Amino acid sequence: VQLQASGGGLVQAGGSLRLSCAASVSIFTLDVMGWYREAPGKKREMVAAIISGGNTNYEDSVKGRFTISRDSAKNTVYLQMNTLEPEDTAVYYCGARRVTEVYWGQGTQVTVSS
């Protein structure tokens, strides 16, 4: 399974970005797909995840600002990020799990200036 992430960039506080993660397989063969982030000096944390049945989970600090969605026809998962804050600055990774196997895409940098 290969995951191709894109969509990061530099944005001012209050702005928006949309990240995309394209999978090389049908996303319905994956138990979970999600977005994770790693800020300097911090551990990688889950930001948002969507399970195969469609339920979603969010890290508390992004609830109401970020939305994870998917397009099965494109085998792609999106992360719409609104009202971005400087604290959201990190490298964002797309991840997926199928049974016991975990897959990662390359990171994409998101920088939010104050």
PDB file of N, CA and C in Angstrom:
ATOM      1  N   VAL A   1       0.856  -1.185   0.000  1.00  0.00           N
ATOM      2  CA  VAL A   1       0.000   0.000   0.000  1.00  0.00           C
ATOM      3  C   VAL A   1       0.889   1.231   0.000  1.00  0.00           C
ATOM      4  N   GLN A   2       0.623   2.111  -0.940  1.00  0.00           N
ATOM      5  CA  GLN A   2       1.360   3.377  -0.990  1.00  0.00           C
ATOM      6  C   GLN A   2       0.397   4.518  -0.773  1.00  0.00           C
ATOM      7  N   LEU A   3       0.859   5.488  -0.004  1.00  0.00           N
ATOM      8  CA  LEU A   3       0.053   6.663   0.298  1.00  0.00           C
ATOM      9  C   LEU A   3       0.797   7.901  -0.176  1.00  0.00           C
ATOM     10  N   GLN A   4       0.122   8.741  -0.935  1.00  0.00           N
ATOM     11  CA  GLN A   4       0.728   9.954  -1.471  1.00  0.00           C
ATOM     12  C   GLN A   4       0.014  11.159  -0.890  1.00  0.00           C
ATOM     13  N   ALA A   5       0.717  11.881  -0.030  1.00  0.00           N
ATOM     14  CA  ALA A   5       0.132  13.053   0.612  1.00  0.00           C
ATOM     15  C   ALA A   5       0.520  14.322  -0.125  1.00  0.00           C
ATOM     16  N   SER A   6      -0.374  15.282  -0.099  1.00  0.00           N
ATOM     17  CA  SER A   6      -0.098  16.574  -0.719  1.00  0.00           C
ATOM     18  C   SER A   6      -0.974  17.641  -0.088  1.00  0.00           C
ATOM     19  N   GLY A   7      -0.632  18.900  -0.349  1.00  0.00           N
ATOM     20  CA  GLY A   7      -1.503  19.992   0.057  1.00  0.00           C
ATOM     21  C   GLY A   7      -0.997  20.883   1.168  1.00  0.00           C
ATOM     22  N   GLY A   8       0.171  20.610   1.724  1.00  0.00           N
ATOM     23  CA  GLY A   8       0.683  21.464   2.788  1.00  0.00           C
ATOM     24  C   GLY A   8       1.128  22.811   2.242  1.00  0.00           C
ATOM     25  N   GLY A   9       1.532  23.665   3.151  1.00  0.00           N
ATOM     26  CA  GLY A   9       2.012  24.972   2.732  1.00  0.00           C
ATOM     27  C   GLY A   9       2.082  25.940   3.884  1.00  0.00           C
ATOM     28  N   LEU A  10       2.261  27.201   3.522  1.00  0.00           N
ATOM     29  CA  LEU A  10       2.353  28.282   4.490  1.00  0.00           C
ATOM     30  C   LEU A  10       1.067  29.096   4.427  1.00  0.00           C
ATOM     31  N   VAL A  11       0.482  29.342   5.578  1.00  0.00           N
ATOM     32  CA  VAL A  11      -0.771  30.088   5.622  1.00  0.00           C
ATOM     33  C   VAL A  11      -0.775  30.956   6.876  1.00  0.00           C
ATOM     34  N   GLN A  12      -1.476  32.056   6.822  1.00  0.00           N
ATOM     35  CA  GLN A  12      -1.607  32.911   7.996  1.00  0.00           C
ATOM     36  C   GLN A  12      -2.639  32.336   8.959  1.00  0.00           C
ATOM     37  N   ALA A  13      -2.497  32.695  10.211  1.00  0.00           N
ATOM     38  CA  ALA A  13      -3.468  32.261  11.214  1.00  0.00           C
ATOM     39  C   ALA A  13      -4.876  32.671  10.778  1.00  0.00           C
ATOM     40  N   GLY A  14      -5.810  31.754  10.962  1.00  0.00           N
ATOM     41  CA  GLY A  14      -7.176  31.983  10.530  1.00  0.00           C
ATOM     42  C   GLY A  14      -7.471  31.471   9.142  1.00  0.00           C
ATOM     43  N   GLY A  15      -6.436  31.106   8.418  1.00  0.00           N
ATOM     44  CA  GLY A  15      -6.594  30.623   7.055  1.00  0.00           C
ATOM     45  C   GLY A  15      -6.950  29.151   6.996  1.00  0.00           C
ATOM     46  N   SER A  16      -7.006  28.648   5.755  1.00  0.00           N
ATOM     47  CA  SER A  16      -7.414  27.261   5.518  1.00  0.00           C
ATOM     48  C   SER A  16      -6.445  26.560   4.579  1.00  0.00           C
ATOM     49  N   LEU A  17      -6.369  25.267   4.731  1.00  0.00           N
ATOM     50  CA  LEU A  17      -5.632  24.401   3.815  1.00  0.00           C
ATOM     51  C   LEU A  17      -6.392  23.085   3.707  1.00  0.00           C
ATOM     52  N   ARG A  18      -6.209  22.403   2.577  1.00  0.00           N
ATOM     53  CA  ARG A  18      -6.768  21.067   2.431  1.00  0.00           C
ATOM     54  C   ARG A  18      -5.654  20.104   2.063  1.00  0.00           C
ATOM     55  N   LEU A  19      -5.517  19.071   2.862  1.00  0.00           N
ATOM     56  CA  LEU A  19      -4.550  18.018   2.583  1.00  0.00           C
ATOM     57  C   LEU A  19      -5.250  16.859   1.879  1.00  0.00           C
ATOM     58  N   SER A  20      -4.517  16.216   0.995  1.00  0.00           N
ATOM     59  CA  SER A  20      -5.037  15.055   0.275  1.00  0.00           C
ATOM     60  C   SER A  20      -4.113  13.868   0.475  1.00  0.00           C
ATOM     61  N   CYS A  21      -4.682  12.691   0.552  1.00  0.00           N
ATOM     62  CA  CYS A  21      -3.906  11.462   0.678  1.00  0.00           C
ATOM     63  C   CYS A  21      -4.499  10.437  -0.284  1.00  0.00           C
ATOM     64  N   ALA A  22      -3.749  10.148  -1.340  1.00  0.00           N
ATOM     65  CA  ALA A  22      -4.203   9.191  -2.340  1.00  0.00           C
ATOM     66  C   ALA A  22      -3.596   7.828  -2.051  1.00  0.00           C
ATOM     67  N   ALA A  23      -4.439   6.808  -1.983  1.00  0.00           N
ATOM     68  CA  ALA A  23      -3.981   5.450  -1.704  1.00  0.00           C
ATOM     69  C   ALA A  23      -3.862   4.662  -3.002  1.00  0.00           C
ATOM     70  N   SER A  24      -2.949   3.699  -3.001  1.00  0.00           N
ATOM     71  CA  SER A  24      -2.734   2.875  -4.196  1.00  0.00           C
ATOM     72  C   SER A  24      -3.706   1.703  -4.257  1.00  0.00           C
ATOM     73  N   VAL A  25      -4.553   1.588  -3.228  1.00  0.00           N
ATOM     74  CA  VAL A  25      -5.547   0.520  -3.184  1.00  0.00           C
ATOM     75  C   VAL A  25      -6.901   1.131  -2.863  1.00  0.00           C
ATOM     76  N   SER A  26      -7.926   0.327  -3.010  1.00  0.00           N
ATOM     77  CA  SER A  26      -9.241   0.809  -2.606  1.00  0.00           C
ATOM     78  C   SER A  26      -9.221   1.146  -1.115  1.00  0.00           C
ATOM     79  N   ILE A  27      -9.705   2.331  -0.778  1.00  0.00           N
ATOM     80  CA  ILE A  27      -9.670   2.728   0.630  1.00  0.00           C
ATOM     81  C   ILE A  27     -10.604   1.875   1.477  1.00  0.00           C
ATOM     82  N   PHE A  28     -11.515   1.156   0.861  1.00  0.00           N
ATOM     83  CA  PHE A  28     -12.396   0.285   1.624  1.00  0.00           C
ATOM     84  C   PHE A  28     -11.710  -1.015   2.054  1.00  0.00           C
ATOM     85  N   THR A  29     -10.507  -1.248   1.523  1.00  0.00           N
ATOM     86  CA  THR A  29      -9.722  -2.401   1.985  1.00  0.00           C
ATOM     87  C   THR A  29      -8.881  -2.048   3.200  1.00  0.00           C
ATOM     88  N   LEU A  30      -8.912  -0.776   3.573  1.00  0.00           N
ATOM     89  CA  LEU A  30      -8.145  -0.296   4.710  1.00  0.00           C
ATOM     90  C   LEU A  30      -9.065  -0.109   5.908  1.00  0.00           C
ATOM     91  N   ASP A  31      -8.662  -0.603   7.064  1.00  0.00           N
ATOM     92  CA  ASP A  31      -9.516  -0.508   8.252  1.00  0.00           C
ATOM     93  C   ASP A  31      -9.663   0.931   8.726  1.00  0.00           C
ATOM     94  N   VAL A  32      -8.561   1.648   8.694  1.00  0.00           N
ATOM     95  CA  VAL A  32      -8.547   3.038   9.163  1.00  0.00           C
ATOM     96  C   VAL A  32      -7.616   3.844   8.264  1.00  0.00           C
ATOM     97  N   MET A  33      -8.013   5.054   7.962  1.00  0.00           N
ATOM     98  CA  MET A  33      -7.110   6.028   7.351  1.00  0.00           C
ATOM     99  C   MET A  33      -7.168   7.282   8.178  1.00  0.00           C
ATOM    100  N   GLY A  34      -6.043   7.947   8.275  1.00  0.00           N
ATOM    101  CA  GLY A  34      -6.058   9.138   9.101  1.00  0.00           C
ATOM    102  C   GLY A  34      -4.892  10.062   8.829  1.00  0.00           C
ATOM    103  N   TRP A  35      -4.962  11.180   9.505  1.00  0.00           N
ATOM    104  CA  TRP A  35      -3.908  12.184   9.441  1.00  0.00           C
ATOM    105  C   TRP A  35      -3.285  12.328  10.818  1.00  0.00           C
ATOM    106  N   TYR A  36      -1.979  12.414  10.824  1.00  0.00           N
ATOM    107  CA  TYR A  36      -1.202  12.535  12.037  1.00  0.00           C
ATOM    108  C   TYR A  36      -0.255  13.698  11.852  1.00  0.00           C
ATOM    109  N   ARG A  37       0.209  14.270  12.941  1.00  0.00           N
ATOM    110  CA  ARG A  37       1.152  15.373  12.804  1.00  0.00           C
ATOM    111  C   ARG A  37       2.257  15.252  13.841  1.00  0.00           C
ATOM    112  N   GLU A  38       3.367  15.816  13.465  1.00  0.00           N
ATOM    113  CA  GLU A  38       4.541  15.772  14.326  1.00  0.00           C
ATOM    114  C   GLU A  38       5.161  17.159  14.335  1.00  0.00           C
ATOM    115  N   ALA A  39       5.049  17.815  15.475  1.00  0.00           N
ATOM    116  CA  ALA A  39       5.654  19.142  15.636  1.00  0.00           C
ATOM    117  C   ALA A  39       7.052  18.972  16.221  1.00  0.00           C
ATOM    118  N   PRO A  40       7.922  19.942  16.017  1.00  0.00           N
ATOM    119  CA  PRO A  40       9.291  19.843  16.554  1.00  0.00           C
ATOM    120  C   PRO A  40       9.277  19.589  18.051  1.00  0.00           C
ATOM    121  N   GLY A  41      10.009  18.561  18.474  1.00  0.00           N
ATOM    122  CA  GLY A  41      10.113  18.251  19.886  1.00  0.00           C
ATOM    123  C   GLY A  41       8.914  17.536  20.470  1.00  0.00           C
ATOM    124  N   LYS A  42       7.955  17.190  19.640  1.00  0.00           N
ATOM    125  CA  LYS A  42       6.755  16.508  20.134  1.00  0.00           C
ATOM    126  C   LYS A  42       6.580  15.171  19.446  1.00  0.00           C
ATOM    127  N   LYS A  43       5.806  14.309  20.096  1.00  0.00           N
ATOM    128  CA  LYS A  43       5.521  13.009  19.509  1.00  0.00           C
ATOM    129  C   LYS A  43       4.472  13.141  18.410  1.00  0.00           C
ATOM    130  N   ARG A  44       4.495  12.191  17.501  1.00  0.00           N
ATOM    131  CA  ARG A  44       3.472  12.163  16.463  1.00  0.00           C
ATOM    132  C   ARG A  44       2.122  11.880  17.118  1.00  0.00           C
ATOM    133  N   GLU A  45       1.120  12.658  16.734  1.00  0.00           N
ATOM    134  CA  GLU A  45      -0.209  12.487  17.315  1.00  0.00           C
ATOM    135  C   GLU A  45      -1.258  12.359  16.217  1.00  0.00           C
ATOM    136  N   MET A  46      -2.324  11.662  16.557  1.00  0.00           N
ATOM    137  CA  MET A  46      -3.430  11.531  15.629  1.00  0.00           C
ATOM    138  C   MET A  46      -4.192  12.846  15.585  1.00  0.00           C
ATOM    139  N   VAL A  47      -4.495  13.305  14.398  1.00  0.00           N
ATOM    140  CA  VAL A  47      -5.279  14.523  14.222  1.00  0.00           C
ATOM    141  C   VAL A  47      -6.723  14.171  13.903  1.00  0.00           C
ATOM    142  N   ALA A  48      -6.896  13.304  12.920  1.00  0.00           N
ATOM    143  CA  ALA A  48      -8.235  12.889  12.517  1.00  0.00           C
ATOM    144  C   ALA A  48      -8.141  11.535  11.835  1.00  0.00           C
ATOM    145  N   ALA A  49      -9.157  10.726  12.015  1.00  0.00           N
ATOM    146  CA  ALA A  49      -9.169   9.400  11.415  1.00  0.00           C
ATOM    147  C   ALA A  49     -10.568   9.047  10.973  1.00  0.00           C
ATOM    148  N   ILE A  50     -10.630   8.222   9.937  1.00  0.00           N
ATOM    149  CA  ILE A  50     -11.909   7.737   9.444  1.00  0.00           C
ATOM    150  C   ILE A  50     -11.790   6.227   9.265  1.00  0.00           C
ATOM    151  N   ILE A  51     -12.747   5.515   9.840  1.00  0.00           N
ATOM    152  CA  ILE A  51     -12.692   4.065   9.724  1.00  0.00           C
ATOM    153  C   ILE A  51     -13.488   3.626   8.505  1.00  0.00           C
ATOM    154  N   SER A  52     -13.350   2.360   8.157  1.00  0.00           N
ATOM    155  CA  SER A  52     -13.941   1.883   6.911  1.00  0.00           C
ATOM    156  C   SER A  52     -15.450   2.083   6.880  1.00  0.00           C
ATOM    157  N   GLY A  53     -16.095   2.008   8.048  1.00  0.00           N
ATOM    158  CA  GLY A  53     -17.543   2.192   8.095  1.00  0.00           C
ATOM    159  C   GLY A  53     -17.989   3.633   7.981  1.00  0.00           C
ATOM    160  N   GLY A  54     -17.049   4.554   8.098  1.00  0.00           N
ATOM    161  CA  GLY A  54     -17.359   5.968   7.918  1.00  0.00           C
ATOM    162  C   GLY A  54     -17.297   6.801   9.180  1.00  0.00           C
ATOM    163  N   ASN A  55     -17.216   6.166  10.337  1.00  0.00           N
ATOM    164  CA  ASN A  55     -17.101   6.950  11.573  1.00  0.00           C
ATOM    165  C   ASN A  55     -15.781   7.708  11.594  1.00  0.00           C
ATOM    166  N   THR A  56     -15.799   8.854  12.260  1.00  0.00           N
ATOM    167  CA  THR A  56     -14.614   9.695  12.328  1.00  0.00           C
ATOM    168  C   THR A  56     -14.239  10.009  13.773  1.00  0.00           C
ATOM    169  N   ASN A  57     -12.967  10.274  13.971  1.00  0.00           N
ATOM    170  CA  ASN A  57     -12.455  10.685  15.280  1.00  0.00           C
ATOM    171  C   ASN A  57     -11.533  11.871  15.080  1.00  0.00           C
ATOM    172  N   TYR A  58     -11.531  12.769  16.050  1.00  0.00           N
ATOM    173  CA  TYR A  58     -10.682  13.955  15.971  1.00  0.00           C
ATOM    174  C   TYR A  58      -9.963  14.180  17.287  1.00  0.00           C
ATOM    175  N   GLU A  59      -8.772  14.724  17.174  1.00  0.00           N
ATOM    176  CA  GLU A  59      -8.053  15.186  18.353  1.00  0.00           C
ATOM    177  C   GLU A  59      -8.801  16.399  18.883  1.00  0.00           C
ATOM    178  N   ASP A  60      -8.843  16.538  20.197  1.00  0.00           N
ATOM    179  CA  ASP A  60      -9.697  17.560  20.802  1.00  0.00           C
ATOM    180  C   ASP A  60      -9.439  18.966  20.269  1.00  0.00           C
ATOM    181  N   SER A  61      -8.182  19.319  20.067  1.00  0.00           N
ATOM    182  CA  SER A  61      -7.869  20.703  19.702  1.00  0.00           C
ATOM    183  C   SER A  61      -8.306  21.070  18.282  1.00  0.00           C
ATOM    184  N   VAL A  62      -8.645  20.079  17.467  1.00  0.00           N
ATOM    185  CA  VAL A  62      -9.035  20.380  16.083  1.00  0.00           C
ATOM    186  C   VAL A  62     -10.531  20.212  15.841  1.00  0.00           C
ATOM    187  N   LYS A  63     -11.238  19.723  16.855  1.00  0.00           N
ATOM    188  CA  LYS A  63     -12.678  19.525  16.690  1.00  0.00           C
ATOM    189  C   LYS A  63     -13.358  20.845  16.356  1.00  0.00           C
ATOM    190  N   GLY A  64     -14.205  20.815  15.358  1.00  0.00           N
ATOM    191  CA  GLY A  64     -14.899  22.010  14.922  1.00  0.00           C
ATOM    192  C   GLY A  64     -14.113  22.839  13.921  1.00  0.00           C
ATOM    193  N   ARG A  65     -12.845  22.534  13.730  1.00  0.00           N
ATOM    194  CA  ARG A  65     -12.018  23.276  12.769  1.00  0.00           C
ATOM    195  C   ARG A  65     -11.578  22.407  11.602  1.00  0.00           C
ATOM    196  N   PHE A  66     -11.297  21.144  11.878  1.00  0.00           N
ATOM    197  CA  PHE A  66     -10.817  20.222  10.845  1.00  0.00           C
ATOM    198  C   PHE A  66     -11.919  19.224  10.505  1.00  0.00           C
ATOM    199  N   THR A  67     -11.940  18.803   9.239  1.00  0.00           N
ATOM    200  CA  THR A  67     -12.887  17.790   8.797  1.00  0.00           C
ATOM    201  C   THR A  67     -12.176  16.776   7.912  1.00  0.00           C
ATOM    202  N   ILE A  68     -12.311  15.508   8.273  1.00  0.00           N
ATOM    203  CA  ILE A  68     -11.758  14.445   7.440  1.00  0.00           C
ATOM    204  C   ILE A  68     -12.880  13.872   6.589  1.00  0.00           C
ATOM    205  N   SER A  69     -12.563  13.599   5.332  1.00  0.00           N
ATOM    206  CA  SER A  69     -13.560  13.047   4.424  1.00  0.00           C
ATOM    207  C   SER A  69     -12.855  12.143   3.428  1.00  0.00           C
ATOM    208  N   ARG A  70     -13.642  11.446   2.630  1.00  0.00           N
ATOM    209  CA  ARG A  70     -13.034  10.542   1.661  1.00  0.00           C
ATOM    210  C   ARG A  70     -13.821  10.545   0.361  1.00  0.00           C
ATOM    211  N   ASP A  71     -13.114  10.210  -0.696  1.00  0.00           N
ATOM    212  CA  ASP A  71     -13.710  10.041  -2.021  1.00  0.00           C
ATOM    213  C   ASP A  71     -13.293   8.648  -2.483  1.00  0.00           C
ATOM    214  N   SER A  72     -14.213   7.708  -2.405  1.00  0.00           N
ATOM    215  CA  SER A  72     -13.866   6.327  -2.716  1.00  0.00           C
ATOM    216  C   SER A  72     -13.535   6.150  -4.193  1.00  0.00           C
ATOM    217  N   ALA A  73     -14.127   6.957  -5.037  1.00  0.00           N
ATOM    218  CA  ALA A  73     -13.846   6.840  -6.473  1.00  0.00           C
ATOM    219  C   ALA A  73     -12.400   7.209  -6.788  1.00  0.00           C
ATOM    220  N   LYS A  74     -11.829   8.082  -5.963  1.00  0.00           N
ATOM    221  CA  LYS A  74     -10.445   8.513  -6.165  1.00  0.00           C
ATOM    222  C   LYS A  74      -9.493   7.852  -5.179  1.00  0.00           C
ATOM    223  N   ASN A  75     -10.030   6.997  -4.310  1.00  0.00           N
ATOM    224  CA  ASN A  75      -9.197   6.360  -3.273  1.00  0.00           C
ATOM    225  C   ASN A  75      -8.397   7.406  -2.502  1.00  0.00           C
ATOM    226  N   THR A  76      -9.066   8.465  -2.149  1.00  0.00           N
ATOM    227  CA  THR A  76      -8.402   9.603  -1.539  1.00  0.00           C
ATOM    228  C   THR A  76      -9.134  10.028  -0.265  1.00  0.00           C
ATOM    229  N   VAL A  77      -8.345  10.378   0.726  1.00  0.00           N
ATOM    230  CA  VAL A  77      -8.865  10.935   1.969  1.00  0.00           C
ATOM    231  C   VAL A  77      -8.366  12.368   2.077  1.00  0.00           C
ATOM    232  N   TYR A  78      -9.250  13.229   2.539  1.00  0.00           N
ATOM    233  CA  TYR A  78      -8.922  14.654   2.644  1.00  0.00           C
ATOM    234  C   TYR A  78      -8.961  15.107   4.094  1.00  0.00           C
ATOM    235  N   LEU A  79      -8.209  16.150   4.369  1.00  0.00           N
ATOM    236  CA  LEU A  79      -8.307  16.832   5.656  1.00  0.00           C
ATOM    237  C   LEU A  79      -8.477  18.314   5.369  1.00  0.00           C
ATOM    238  N   GLN A  80      -9.685  18.795   5.565  1.00  0.00           N
ATOM    239  CA  GLN A  80      -9.950  20.217   5.425  1.00  0.00           C
ATOM    240  C   GLN A  80      -9.642  20.887   6.746  1.00  0.00           C
ATOM    241  N   MET A  81      -8.739  21.831   6.721  1.00  0.00           N
ATOM    242  CA  MET A  81      -8.301  22.517   7.935  1.00  0.00           C
ATOM    243  C   MET A  81      -8.692  23.983   7.838  1.00  0.00           C
ATOM    244  N   ASN A  82      -9.576  24.392   8.713  1.00  0.00           N
ATOM    245  CA  ASN A  82     -10.027  25.780   8.758  1.00  0.00           C
ATOM    246  C   ASN A  82      -9.584  26.433  10.057  1.00  0.00           C
ATOM    247  N   THR A  83      -9.632  27.736  10.070  1.00  0.00           N
ATOM    248  CA  THR A  83      -9.269  28.515  11.259  1.00  0.00           C
ATOM    249  C   THR A  83      -7.948  28.013  11.843  1.00  0.00           C
ATOM    250  N   LEU A  84      -6.962  27.935  10.984  1.00  0.00           N
ATOM    251  CA  LEU A  84      -5.672  27.402  11.413  1.00  0.00           C
ATOM    252  C   LEU A  84      -5.007  28.311  12.431  1.00  0.00           C
ATOM    253  N   GLU A  85      -4.304  27.682  13.340  1.00  0.00           N
ATOM    254  CA  GLU A  85      -3.605  28.386  14.412  1.00  0.00           C
ATOM    255  C   GLU A  85      -2.114  28.068  14.329  1.00  0.00           C
ATOM    256  N   PRO A  86      -1.268  28.958  14.839  1.00  0.00           N
ATOM    257  CA  PRO A  86       0.172  28.660  14.831  1.00  0.00           C
ATOM    258  C   PRO A  86       0.507  27.317  15.483  1.00  0.00           C
ATOM    259  N   GLU A  87      -0.309  26.904  16.456  1.00  0.00           N
ATOM    260  CA  GLU A  87      -0.073  25.625  17.126  1.00  0.00           C
ATOM    261  C   GLU A  87      -0.318  24.424  16.219  1.00  0.00           C
ATOM    262  N   ASP A  88      -0.926  24.655  15.069  1.00  0.00           N
ATOM    263  CA  ASP A  88      -1.157  23.574  14.107  1.00  0.00           C
ATOM    264  C   ASP A  88       0.072  23.321  13.235  1.00  0.00           C
ATOM    265  N   THR A  89       1.081  24.151  13.365  1.00  0.00           N
ATOM    266  CA  THR A  89       2.302  23.982  12.583  1.00  0.00           C
ATOM    267  C   THR A  89       2.959  22.651  12.900  1.00  0.00           C
ATOM    268  N   ALA A  90       3.194  21.860  11.873  1.00  0.00           N
ATOM    269  CA  ALA A  90       3.769  20.527  12.044  1.00  0.00           C
ATOM    270  C   ALA A  90       3.970  19.899  10.674  1.00  0.00           C
ATOM    271  N   VAL A  91       4.640  18.763  10.680  1.00  0.00           N
ATOM    272  CA  VAL A  91       4.645  17.907   9.500  1.00  0.00           C
ATOM    273  C   VAL A  91       3.457  16.966   9.637  1.00  0.00           C
ATOM    274  N   TYR A  92       2.623  16.942   8.631  1.00  0.00           N
ATOM    275  CA  TYR A  92       1.421  16.113   8.647  1.00  0.00           C
ATOM    276  C   TYR A  92       1.672  14.859   7.813  1.00  0.00           C
ATOM    277  N   TYR A  93       1.288  13.722   8.377  1.00  0.00           N
ATOM    278  CA  TYR A  93       1.468  12.434   7.723  1.00  0.00           C
ATOM    279  C   TYR A  93       0.113  11.759   7.522  1.00  0.00           C
ATOM    280  N   CYS A  94      -0.020  11.160   6.388  1.00  0.00           N
ATOM    281  CA  CYS A  94      -1.166  10.297   6.138  1.00  0.00           C
ATOM    282  C   CYS A  94      -0.801   8.886   6.565  1.00  0.00           C
ATOM    283  N   GLY A  95      -1.692   8.228   7.275  1.00  0.00           N
ATOM    284  CA  GLY A  95      -1.442   6.874   7.722  1.00  0.00           C
ATOM    285  C   GLY A  95      -2.641   5.990   7.470  1.00  0.00           C
ATOM    286  N   ALA A  96      -2.375   4.710   7.371  1.00  0.00           N
ATOM    287  CA  ALA A  96      -3.459   3.750   7.168  1.00  0.00           C
ATOM    288  C   ALA A  96      -3.102   2.439   7.849  1.00  0.00           C
ATOM    289  N   ARG A  97      -4.148   1.732   8.238  1.00  0.00           N
ATOM    290  CA  ARG A  97      -3.945   0.424   8.865  1.00  0.00           C
ATOM    291  C   ARG A  97      -4.861  -0.588   8.212  1.00  0.00           C
ATOM    292  N   ARG A  98      -4.285  -1.751   7.931  1.00  0.00           N
ATOM    293  CA  ARG A  98      -5.084  -2.863   7.427  1.00  0.00           C
ATOM    294  C   ARG A  98      -4.698  -4.079   8.260  1.00  0.00           C
ATOM    295  N   VAL A  99      -5.608  -4.509   9.090  1.00  0.00           N
ATOM    296  CA  VAL A  99      -5.392  -5.596  10.060  1.00  0.00           C
ATOM    297  C   VAL A  99      -4.225  -5.150  10.944  1.00  0.00           C
ATOM    298  N   THR A 100      -3.085  -5.796  10.867  1.00  0.00           N
ATOM    299  CA  THR A 100      -1.966  -5.439  11.735  1.00  0.00           C
ATOM    300  C   THR A 100      -0.900  -4.622  11.018  1.00  0.00           C
ATOM    301  N   GLU A 101      -1.090  -4.381   9.728  1.00  0.00           N
ATOM    302  CA  GLU A 101      -0.104  -3.642   8.953  1.00  0.00           C
ATOM    303  C   GLU A 101      -0.416  -2.147   8.976  1.00  0.00           C
ATOM    304  N   VAL A 102       0.624  -1.355   9.189  1.00  0.00           N
ATOM    305  CA  VAL A 102       0.501   0.106   9.221  1.00  0.00           C
ATOM    306  C   VAL A 102       1.325   0.686   8.079  1.00  0.00           C
ATOM    307  N   TYR A 103       0.743   1.646   7.396  1.00  0.00           N
ATOM    308  CA  TYR A 103       1.392   2.270   6.257  1.00  0.00           C
ATOM    309  C   TYR A 103       1.441   3.781   6.469  1.00  0.00           C
ATOM    310  N   TRP A 104       2.518   4.392   5.995  1.00  0.00           N
ATOM    311  CA  TRP A 104       2.673   5.835   6.113  1.00  0.00           C
ATOM    312  C   TRP A 104       2.994   6.440   4.768  1.00  0.00           C
ATOM    313  N   GLY A 105       2.442   7.610   4.524  1.00  0.00           N
ATOM    314  CA  GLY A 105       2.845   8.397   3.377  1.00  0.00           C
ATOM    315  C   GLY A 105       3.977   9.330   3.793  1.00  0.00           C
ATOM    316  N   GLN A 106       4.491  10.060   2.820  1.00  0.00           N
ATOM    317  CA  GLN A 106       5.523  11.024   3.158  1.00  0.00           C
ATOM    318  C   GLN A 106       4.875  12.212   3.864  1.00  0.00           C
ATOM    319  N   GLY A 107       5.579  12.920   4.648  1.00  0.00           N
ATOM    320  CA  GLY A 107       5.018  14.051   5.362  1.00  0.00           C
ATOM    321  C   GLY A 107       4.861  15.264   4.460  1.00  0.00           C
ATOM    322  N   THR A 108       3.944  16.122   4.862  1.00  0.00           N
ATOM    323  CA  THR A 108       3.777  17.398   4.177  1.00  0.00           C
ATOM    324  C   THR A 108       3.760  18.492   5.237  1.00  0.00           C
ATOM    325  N   GLN A 109       4.557  19.516   5.010  1.00  0.00           N
ATOM    326  CA  GLN A 109       4.729  20.566   6.011  1.00  0.00           C
ATOM    327  C   GLN A 109       3.558  21.544   5.980  1.00  0.00           C
ATOM    328  N   VAL A 110       3.021  21.809   7.148  1.00  0.00           N
ATOM    329  CA  VAL A 110       2.012  22.854   7.322  1.00  0.00           C
ATOM    330  C   VAL A 110       2.593  23.880   8.286  1.00  0.00           C
ATOM    331  N   THR A 111       2.691  25.110   7.832  1.00  0.00           N
ATOM    332  CA  THR A 111       3.216  26.187   8.659  1.00  0.00           C
ATOM    333  C   THR A 111       2.177  27.298   8.746  1.00  0.00           C
ATOM    334  N   VAL A 112       1.812  27.639   9.980  1.00  0.00           N
ATOM    335  CA  VAL A 112       0.818  28.681  10.205  1.00  0.00           C
ATOM    336  C   VAL A 112       1.512  29.850  10.884  1.00  0.00           C
ATOM    337  N   SER A 113       1.523  30.983  10.212  1.00  0.00           N
ATOM    338  CA  SER A 113       2.185  32.163  10.761  1.00  0.00           C
ATOM    339  C   SER A 113       1.184  33.001  11.561  1.00  0.00           C
ATOM    340  N   SER A 114       1.692  33.637  12.598  1.00  0.00           N
ATOM    341  CA  SER A 114       0.806  34.460  13.462  1.00  0.00           C
ATOM    342  C   SER A 114       0.712  35.888  12.966  1.00  0.00           C
TER     343      SER A 114
END
